[in-house]
Amino acid sequence: MSKEKHPKEEKKKEKGKKQQTEVVEKEEKKEAQPATETDLLKERLTKSEEQAKELEDRLLRLAAEYDNYRKRTAREFEAICNSANENLISKLLDTMDNFERALDAAKNSNDYDSFRKGVELIYTHLKELLEKEGLKEIDAVCKPFDPNFHEAVTQCESDEHDEGIVADQMCKGYMLNEKLLRPSKVVVSKGKPEREEEVDKDKDD
């Protein structure tokens, strides 16, 4: 007759085996943990390097695209300027032709009045052409001096104009599409001249 194992001993052995298993598993986890953290760090580093490379490539593409855009807009702007000059010059050719005709006619004629009228017509035509392109004269005479539109060349005493008023214009100023193209060169009034009687009176006082 075989001897039966006591239930307490069975439980004790099972408990011992369980504890041994847990110890082994803990040791395995401790050994595996550093390797797992290292792998995670390597994986993160690899992803960071890939992202950095992708951003660098994107930045290089954007820089190349911007450079191409800058060069293209510069060429387009130059083409627009050349086209604008070409349009204006083609309109001025008729005026040049008219000046040549007037000069040729003056060589064979002493009629000054006809020559003067011809030049006036050419001037009027040229002025109208430039006004259509946005050119406008600055009205300066008898206006208060404005440094934004006037350039004072000299000053003078005047019976007609108060101090600070433009008395005369030496060179016309022009605006081009609301932009100052050239200021008017003007003579600014200092006011009425001092009378000799007033000077003598001031001395006596």
C-alpha atoms as a PDB file:
ATOM      1  CA  MET A   1       0.000   0.000   0.000  1.00  0.00           C
ATOM      2  CA  SER A   2       1.475   3.343  -1.213  1.00  0.00           C
ATOM      3  CA  LYS A   3       1.896   6.145   1.152  1.00  0.00           C
ATOM      4  CA  GLU A   4      -0.395   9.120   0.303  1.00  0.00           C
ATOM      5  CA  LYS A   5       1.101  12.631   0.341  1.00  0.00           C
ATOM      6  CA  HIS A   6      -0.129  14.968   2.989  1.00  0.00           C
ATOM      7  CA  PRO A   7      -2.166  17.882   1.615  1.00  0.00           C
ATOM      8  CA  LYS A   8      -0.131  20.441   3.593  1.00  0.00           C
ATOM      9  CA  GLU A   9       3.101  19.240   2.045  1.00  0.00           C
ATOM     10  CA  GLU A  10       1.559  19.476  -1.419  1.00  0.00           C
ATOM     11  CA  LYS A  11       0.510  23.048  -0.811  1.00  0.00           C
ATOM     12  CA  LYS A  12       3.939  23.888   0.594  1.00  0.00           C
ATOM     13  CA  LYS A  13       5.685  22.519  -2.488  1.00  0.00           C
ATOM     14  CA  GLU A  14       3.322  24.322  -4.833  1.00  0.00           C
ATOM     15  CA  LYS A  15       3.880  27.554  -2.950  1.00  0.00           C
ATOM     16  CA  GLY A  16       7.656  27.075  -3.207  1.00  0.00           C
ATOM     17  CA  LYS A  17       7.493  26.435  -6.923  1.00  0.00           C
ATOM     18  CA  LYS A  18       5.325  29.525  -7.398  1.00  0.00           C
ATOM     19  CA  GLN A  19       7.783  31.688  -5.479  1.00  0.00           C
ATOM     20  CA  GLN A  20      10.686  30.334  -7.528  1.00  0.00           C
ATOM     21  CA  THR A  21       8.783  31.078 -10.726  1.00  0.00           C
ATOM     22  CA  GLU A  22       8.058  34.652  -9.606  1.00  0.00           C
ATOM     23  CA  VAL A  23      11.707  35.201  -8.698  1.00  0.00           C
ATOM     24  CA  VAL A  24      12.813  33.943 -12.113  1.00  0.00           C
ATOM     25  CA  GLU A  25      10.272  36.136 -13.879  1.00  0.00           C
ATOM     26  CA  LYS A  26      11.404  39.172 -11.891  1.00  0.00           C
ATOM     27  CA  GLU A  27      15.024  38.484 -12.765  1.00  0.00           C
ATOM     28  CA  GLU A  28      14.107  38.094 -16.426  1.00  0.00           C
ATOM     29  CA  LYS A  29      12.194  41.369 -16.338  1.00  0.00           C
ATOM     30  CA  LYS A  30      15.154  43.135 -14.707  1.00  0.00           C
ATOM     31  CA  GLU A  31      17.481  41.790 -17.381  1.00  0.00           C
ATOM     32  CA  ALA A  32      15.089  42.639 -20.209  1.00  0.00           C
ATOM     33  CA  GLN A  33      14.211  46.166 -18.992  1.00  0.00           C
ATOM     34  CA  PRO A  34      17.499  47.937 -19.842  1.00  0.00           C
ATOM     35  CA  ALA A  35      17.501  46.433 -23.301  1.00  0.00           C
ATOM     36  CA  THR A  36      13.912  47.624 -23.865  1.00  0.00           C
ATOM     37  CA  GLU A  37      14.721  51.217 -22.786  1.00  0.00           C
ATOM     38  CA  THR A  38      17.779  51.239 -25.038  1.00  0.00           C
ATOM     39  CA  ASP A  39      15.706  50.057 -27.961  1.00  0.00           C
ATOM     40  CA  LEU A  40      13.124  52.797 -27.289  1.00  0.00           C
ATOM     41  CA  LEU A  41      15.814  55.457 -27.171  1.00  0.00           C
ATOM     42  CA  LYS A  42      17.348  54.175 -30.414  1.00  0.00           C
ATOM     43  CA  GLU A  43      13.911  54.155 -32.046  1.00  0.00           C
ATOM     44  CA  ARG A  44      13.209  57.717 -30.917  1.00  0.00           C
ATOM     45  CA  LEU A  45      16.606  58.870 -32.116  1.00  0.00           C
ATOM     46  CA  THR A  46      16.036  57.265 -35.515  1.00  0.00           C
ATOM     47  CA  LYS A  47      12.622  58.957 -35.833  1.00  0.00           C
ATOM     48  CA  SER A  48      14.100  62.321 -34.803  1.00  0.00           C
ATOM     49  CA  GLU A  49      16.858  61.998 -37.407  1.00  0.00           C
ATOM     50  CA  GLU A  50      14.291  61.117 -40.090  1.00  0.00           C
ATOM     51  CA  GLN A  51      12.119  64.113 -39.138  1.00  0.00           C
ATOM     52  CA  ALA A  52      15.149  66.425 -39.141  1.00  0.00           C
ATOM     53  CA  LYS A  53      16.148  65.163 -42.587  1.00  0.00           C
ATOM     54  CA  GLU A  54      12.597  65.637 -43.869  1.00  0.00           C
ATOM     55  CA  LEU A  55      12.460  69.204 -42.515  1.00  0.00           C
ATOM     56  CA  GLU A  56      15.865  69.988 -44.029  1.00  0.00           C
ATOM     57  CA  ASP A  57      14.745  68.704 -47.440  1.00  0.00           C
ATOM     58  CA  ARG A  58      11.534  70.738 -47.189  1.00  0.00           C
ATOM     59  CA  LEU A  59      13.487  73.879 -46.238  1.00  0.00           C
ATOM     60  CA  LEU A  60      15.864  73.420 -49.177  1.00  0.00           C
ATOM     61  CA  ARG A  61      12.918  73.017 -51.555  1.00  0.00           C
ATOM     62  CA  LEU A  62      11.234  76.154 -50.182  1.00  0.00           C
ATOM     63  CA  ALA A  63      14.478  78.136 -50.504  1.00  0.00           C
ATOM     64  CA  ALA A  64      14.872  76.996 -54.121  1.00  0.00           C
ATOM     65  CA  GLU A  65      11.229  77.821 -54.908  1.00  0.00           C
ATOM     66  CA  TYR A  66      11.573  81.306 -53.346  1.00  0.00           C
ATOM     67  CA  ASP A  67      14.762  81.989 -55.307  1.00  0.00           C
ATOM     68  CA  ASN A  68      13.033  80.980 -58.549  1.00  0.00           C
ATOM     69  CA  TYR A  69      10.011  83.138 -57.634  1.00  0.00           C
ATOM     70  CA  ARG A  70      12.243  86.154 -56.900  1.00  0.00           C
ATOM     71  CA  LYS A  71      14.077  85.802 -60.213  1.00  0.00           C
ATOM     72  CA  ARG A  72      10.821  85.341 -62.125  1.00  0.00           C
ATOM     73  CA  THR A  73       9.147  88.415 -60.581  1.00  0.00           C
ATOM     74  CA  ALA A  74      12.294  90.481 -61.257  1.00  0.00           C
ATOM     75  CA  ARG A  75      12.178  89.475 -64.936  1.00  0.00           C
ATOM     76  CA  GLU A  76       8.441  90.226 -65.117  1.00  0.00           C
ATOM     77  CA  PHE A  77       8.918  93.654 -63.503  1.00  0.00           C
ATOM     78  CA  GLU A  78      11.727  94.482 -65.927  1.00  0.00           C
ATOM     79  CA  ALA A  79       9.536  93.392 -68.838  1.00  0.00           C
ATOM     80  CA  ILE A  80       6.673  95.612 -67.580  1.00  0.00           C
ATOM     81  CA  CYS A  81       9.002  98.626 -67.278  1.00  0.00           C
ATOM     82  CA  ASN A  82      10.390  98.047 -70.764  1.00  0.00           C
ATOM     83  CA  SER A  83       6.882  97.688 -72.144  1.00  0.00           C
ATOM     84  CA  ALA A  84       5.761 100.927 -70.437  1.00  0.00           C
ATOM     85  CA  ASN A  85       8.774 102.829 -71.831  1.00  0.00           C
ATOM     86  CA  GLU A  86       8.140 101.389 -75.268  1.00  0.00           C
ATOM     87  CA  ASN A  87       4.514 102.526 -75.177  1.00  0.00           C
ATOM     88  CA  LEU A  88       5.390 106.085 -74.123  1.00  0.00           C
ATOM     89  CA  ILE A  89       8.293 106.431 -76.568  1.00  0.00           C
ATOM     90  CA  SER A  90       6.140 105.247 -79.471  1.00  0.00           C
ATOM     91  CA  LYS A  91       3.654 108.029 -78.612  1.00  0.00           C
ATOM     92  CA  LEU A  92       6.465 110.615 -78.502  1.00  0.00           C
ATOM     93  CA  LEU A  93       7.681 109.740 -82.000  1.00  0.00           C
ATOM     94  CA  ASP A  94       4.914 111.826 -83.612  1.00  0.00           C
ATOM     95  CA  THR A  95       5.986 114.823 -81.524  1.00  0.00           C
ATOM     96  CA  MET A  96       9.587 114.336 -82.624  1.00  0.00           C
ATOM     97  CA  ASP A  97       8.487 114.171 -86.254  1.00  0.00           C
ATOM     98  CA  ASN A  98       6.530 117.413 -85.850  1.00  0.00           C
ATOM     99  CA  PHE A  99       9.569 119.175 -84.367  1.00  0.00           C
ATOM    100  CA  GLU A 100      11.698 118.046 -87.308  1.00  0.00           C
ATOM    101  CA  ARG A 101       9.109 119.348 -89.800  1.00  0.00           C
ATOM    102  CA  ALA A 102       8.933 122.695 -88.006  1.00  0.00           C
ATOM    103  CA  LEU A 103      12.731 123.048 -88.006  1.00  0.00           C
ATOM    104  CA  ASP A 104      12.950 122.133 -91.695  1.00  0.00           C
ATOM    105  CA  ALA A 105      10.228 124.669 -92.511  1.00  0.00           C
ATOM    106  CA  ALA A 106      12.045 127.366 -90.532  1.00  0.00           C
ATOM    107  CA  LYS A 107      15.171 126.876 -92.669  1.00  0.00           C
ATOM    108  CA  ASN A 108      13.277 127.821 -95.842  1.00  0.00           C
ATOM    109  CA  SER A 109      11.040 130.542 -94.401  1.00  0.00           C
ATOM    110  CA  ASN A 110      11.382 133.753 -92.426  1.00  0.00           C
ATOM    111  CA  ASP A 111       7.770 133.678 -91.255  1.00  0.00           C
ATOM    112  CA  TYR A 112       8.339 133.784 -87.503  1.00  0.00           C
ATOM    113  CA  ASP A 113       4.641 133.905 -86.618  1.00  0.00           C
ATOM    114  CA  SER A 114       3.906 130.658 -88.502  1.00  0.00           C
ATOM    115  CA  PHE A 115       6.921 128.993 -86.878  1.00  0.00           C
ATOM    116  CA  ARG A 116       5.816 130.127 -83.424  1.00  0.00           C
ATOM    117  CA  LYS A 117       2.262 128.858 -83.969  1.00  0.00           C
ATOM    118  CA  GLY A 118       3.612 125.526 -85.194  1.00  0.00           C
ATOM    119  CA  VAL A 119       5.789 125.130 -82.102  1.00  0.00           C
ATOM    120  CA  GLU A 120       2.846 126.050 -79.862  1.00  0.00           C
ATOM    121  CA  LEU A 121       0.743 123.324 -81.491  1.00  0.00           C
ATOM    122  CA  ILE A 122       3.519 120.775 -80.946  1.00  0.00           C
ATOM    123  CA  TYR A 123       3.876 121.858 -77.318  1.00  0.00           C
ATOM    124  CA  THR A 124       0.129 121.567 -76.750  1.00  0.00           C
ATOM    125  CA  HIS A 125       0.082 118.114 -78.314  1.00  0.00           C
ATOM    126  CA  LEU A 126       3.020 116.993 -76.141  1.00  0.00           C
ATOM    127  CA  LYS A 127       1.437 118.403 -72.990  1.00  0.00           C
ATOM    128  CA  GLU A 128      -1.872 116.624 -73.665  1.00  0.00           C
ATOM    129  CA  LEU A 129      -0.056 113.369 -74.335  1.00  0.00           C
ATOM    130  CA  LEU A 130       1.834 113.558 -71.044  1.00  0.00           C
ATOM    131  CA  GLU A 131      -1.298 114.532 -69.116  1.00  0.00           C
ATOM    132  CA  LYS A 132      -2.987 111.371 -70.403  1.00  0.00           C
ATOM    133  CA  GLU A 133      -0.045 109.437 -68.941  1.00  0.00           C
ATOM    134  CA  GLY A 134      -0.742 110.991 -65.501  1.00  0.00           C
ATOM    135  CA  LEU A 135       1.492 114.081 -65.587  1.00  0.00           C
ATOM    136  CA  LYS A 136       0.115 117.177 -63.850  1.00  0.00           C
ATOM    137  CA  GLU A 137       1.626 120.633 -63.280  1.00  0.00           C
ATOM    138  CA  ILE A 138       1.928 121.926 -59.724  1.00  0.00           C
ATOM    139  CA  ASP A 139       0.091 125.238 -59.299  1.00  0.00           C
ATOM    140  CA  ALA A 140       2.609 127.224 -57.259  1.00  0.00           C
ATOM    141  CA  VAL A 141       2.372 130.981 -57.959  1.00  0.00           C
ATOM    142  CA  CYS A 142       0.299 132.940 -55.421  1.00  0.00           C
ATOM    143  CA  LYS A 143       0.081 129.838 -53.217  1.00  0.00           C
ATOM    144  CA  PRO A 144       1.517 129.491 -49.698  1.00  0.00           C
ATOM    145  CA  PHE A 145       4.990 127.999 -49.768  1.00  0.00           C
ATOM    146  CA  ASP A 146       4.801 124.229 -49.188  1.00  0.00           C
ATOM    147  CA  PRO A 147       8.116 122.369 -48.778  1.00  0.00           C
ATOM    148  CA  ASN A 148       6.365 119.171 -49.848  1.00  0.00           C
ATOM    149  CA  PHE A 149       5.865 120.546 -53.359  1.00  0.00           C
ATOM    150  CA  HIS A 150       8.058 123.658 -53.613  1.00  0.00           C
ATOM    151  CA  GLU A 151      11.785 124.268 -53.539  1.00  0.00           C
ATOM    152  CA  ALA A 152      12.694 127.802 -52.458  1.00  0.00           C
ATOM    153  CA  VAL A 153      15.445 129.202 -54.671  1.00  0.00           C
ATOM    154  CA  THR A 154      15.443 132.713 -53.252  1.00  0.00           C
ATOM    155  CA  GLN A 155      13.288 135.305 -51.482  1.00  0.00           C
ATOM    156  CA  CYS A 156      12.121 138.746 -52.532  1.00  0.00           C
ATOM    157  CA  GLU A 157      10.213 141.719 -51.215  1.00  0.00           C
ATOM    158  CA  SER A 158       6.780 142.129 -52.760  1.00  0.00           C
ATOM    159  CA  ASP A 159       3.957 144.637 -52.654  1.00  0.00           C
ATOM    160  CA  GLU A 160       1.529 142.073 -54.074  1.00  0.00           C
ATOM    161  CA  HIS A 161       2.252 139.025 -51.924  1.00  0.00           C
ATOM    162  CA  ASP A 162       2.358 138.534 -48.187  1.00  0.00           C
ATOM    163  CA  GLU A 163       5.252 136.860 -46.444  1.00  0.00           C
ATOM    164  CA  GLY A 164       5.497 133.118 -47.174  1.00  0.00           C
ATOM    165  CA  ILE A 165       3.594 133.317 -50.473  1.00  0.00           C
ATOM    166  CA  VAL A 166       5.167 132.106 -53.729  1.00  0.00           C
ATOM    167  CA  ALA A 167       5.779 135.289 -55.741  1.00  0.00           C
ATOM    168  CA  ASP A 168       7.316 133.734 -58.838  1.00  0.00           C
ATOM    169  CA  GLN A 169       8.185 130.379 -60.360  1.00  0.00           C
ATOM    170  CA  MET A 170      11.563 129.732 -61.953  1.00  0.00           C
ATOM    171  CA  CYS A 171      10.943 126.096 -62.932  1.00  0.00           C
ATOM    172  CA  LYS A 172       7.641 124.239 -63.059  1.00  0.00           C
ATOM    173  CA  GLY A 173       7.040 121.281 -60.775  1.00  0.00           C
ATOM    174  CA  TYR A 174       5.143 118.151 -61.765  1.00  0.00           C
ATOM    175  CA  MET A 175       3.155 115.320 -60.202  1.00  0.00           C
ATOM    176  CA  LEU A 176       2.910 111.863 -61.755  1.00  0.00           C
ATOM    177  CA  ASN A 177      -0.168 109.927 -60.673  1.00  0.00           C
ATOM    178  CA  GLU A 178      -0.351 111.723 -57.287  1.00  0.00           C
ATOM    179  CA  LYS A 179       3.389 111.234 -56.743  1.00  0.00           C
ATOM    180  CA  LEU A 180       5.839 114.140 -56.683  1.00  0.00           C
ATOM    181  CA  LEU A 181       7.986 113.907 -59.792  1.00  0.00           C
ATOM    182  CA  ARG A 182       9.784 117.261 -59.474  1.00  0.00           C
ATOM    183  CA  PRO A 183       9.198 120.156 -57.035  1.00  0.00           C
ATOM    184  CA  SER A 184       8.549 123.657 -58.305  1.00  0.00           C
ATOM    185  CA  LYS A 185      11.567 125.960 -57.995  1.00  0.00           C
ATOM    186  CA  VAL A 186      10.078 129.159 -56.630  1.00  0.00           C
ATOM    187  CA  VAL A 187      10.765 132.639 -55.311  1.00  0.00           C
ATOM    188  CA  VAL A 188       9.140 133.214 -51.924  1.00  0.00           C
ATOM    189  CA  SER A 189       7.868 136.605 -50.820  1.00  0.00           C
ATOM    190  CA  LYS A 190       9.308 138.259 -47.709  1.00  0.00           C
ATOM    191  CA  GLY A 191       6.377 140.646 -47.620  1.00  0.00           C
ATOM    192  CA  LYS A 192       6.193 144.337 -48.375  1.00  0.00           C
ATOM    193  CA  PRO A 193       9.486 146.247 -48.478  1.00  0.00           C
ATOM    194  CA  GLU A 194      10.269 148.590 -45.632  1.00  0.00           C
ATOM    195  CA  ARG A 195       9.701 152.256 -46.546  1.00  0.00           C
ATOM    196  CA  GLU A 196      12.488 154.738 -45.903  1.00  0.00           C
ATOM    197  CA  GLU A 197      10.078 156.888 -43.904  1.00  0.00           C
ATOM    198  CA  GLU A 198       9.212 153.982 -41.621  1.00  0.00           C
ATOM    199  CA  VAL A 199      12.918 153.207 -41.133  1.00  0.00           C
ATOM    200  CA  ASP A 200      13.658 156.838 -40.260  1.00  0.00           C
ATOM    201  CA  LYS A 201      10.692 156.875 -37.876  1.00  0.00           C
ATOM    202  CA  ASP A 202      11.949 153.799 -36.110  1.00  0.00           C
ATOM    203  CA  LYS A 203      15.353 155.449 -35.734  1.00  0.00           C
ATOM    204  CA  ASP A 204      13.825 158.606 -34.257  1.00  0.00           C
ATOM    205  CA  ASP A 205      11.808 156.543 -31.784  1.00  0.00           C
END
